[in-house]
C-alpha cells in the first residue's frame, strides 16, 4: 500500500500545552516565569555549545 504525502512534516512540540482557561492571573504569571526560566536555560546551553564548536573549529582549522 502506498501512502501519499500529506504536506510538510510539522515539528513535534516539546512542551505540553496547558489548558489556560482553568488558570487564574497569578498562575498564568507563574507559568510565564517558568517558561522564561526554561528559555534562559536553553539559551545558556546554546551559548555553551557554540563556544565548544568555535574552539573545535579553531583547533581543526588549517593554517
Protein backbone atom coordinates (compact mmCIF):
# COMPACT_ATOMS: atom_id res chain seq x y z
CA UNK A 1 0.00 0.00 0.00
CA UNK A 2 1.40 3.41 -0.99
CA UNK A 3 0.84 6.37 1.30
CA UNK A 4 0.52 9.83 -0.21
CA UNK A 5 2.38 12.81 1.20
CA UNK A 6 0.16 14.99 3.32
CA UNK A 7 2.32 18.10 3.02
CA UNK A 8 5.33 19.26 5.02
CA UNK A 9 6.17 17.46 8.23
CA UNK A 10 5.38 19.57 11.28
CA UNK A 11 7.81 19.75 14.18
CA UNK A 12 6.69 17.92 17.29
CA UNK A 13 6.06 20.22 20.24
CA UNK A 14 8.37 19.55 23.17
CA UNK A 15 6.17 21.29 25.70
CA UNK A 16 2.86 20.05 26.93
CA UNK A 17 0.30 22.78 26.34
CA UNK A 18 -1.65 23.70 29.43
CA UNK A 19 -5.34 24.45 29.40
CA UNK A 20 -5.13 28.15 30.17
CA UNK A 21 -8.84 28.61 30.81
CA UNK A 22 -8.53 26.93 34.20
CA UNK A 23 -5.67 29.13 35.43
CA UNK A 24 -6.00 32.40 37.30
CA UNK A 25 -3.98 35.52 36.59
CA UNK A 26 -1.29 34.76 39.19
CA UNK A 27 -0.99 31.18 37.96
CA UNK A 28 -0.56 32.46 34.41
CA UNK A 29 2.16 34.85 35.56
CA UNK A 30 3.89 31.99 37.40
CA UNK A 31 3.66 29.90 34.23
CA UNK A 32 5.24 32.72 32.21
CA UNK A 33 8.07 32.91 34.77
CA UNK A 34 8.64 29.15 34.44
CA UNK A 35 8.78 29.46 30.65
CA UNK A 36 11.21 32.39 30.82
CA UNK A 37 13.44 30.37 33.15
CA UNK A 38 13.42 27.46 30.72
CA UNK A 39 14.19 29.78 27.79
CA UNK A 40 17.17 31.23 29.69
CA UNK A 41 18.42 27.70 30.46
CA UNK A 42 18.20 26.67 26.80
CA UNK A 43 19.88 29.87 25.59
CA UNK A 44 22.76 29.31 28.04
CA UNK A 45 23.20 25.78 26.70
CA UNK A 46 23.22 27.08 23.13
CA UNK A 47 25.96 29.56 24.03
CA UNK A 48 27.97 26.81 25.73
CA UNK A 49 27.67 24.57 22.68
CA UNK A 50 28.58 27.40 20.31
CA UNK A 51 31.72 28.00 22.39
CA UNK A 52 32.68 24.34 22.06
CA UNK A 53 32.06 24.44 18.33
CA UNK A 54 34.15 27.60 17.92
CA UNK A 55 37.00 26.03 19.87
CA UNK A 56 36.83 22.86 17.76
CA UNK A 57 36.70 24.89 14.53
CA UNK A 58 39.76 26.90 15.62
CA UNK A 59 41.64 23.73 16.57
CA UNK A 60 40.95 21.93 13.30
CA UNK A 61 41.31 24.97 11.04
CA UNK A 62 44.07 24.55 8.53
CA UNK A 63 46.83 27.19 8.63
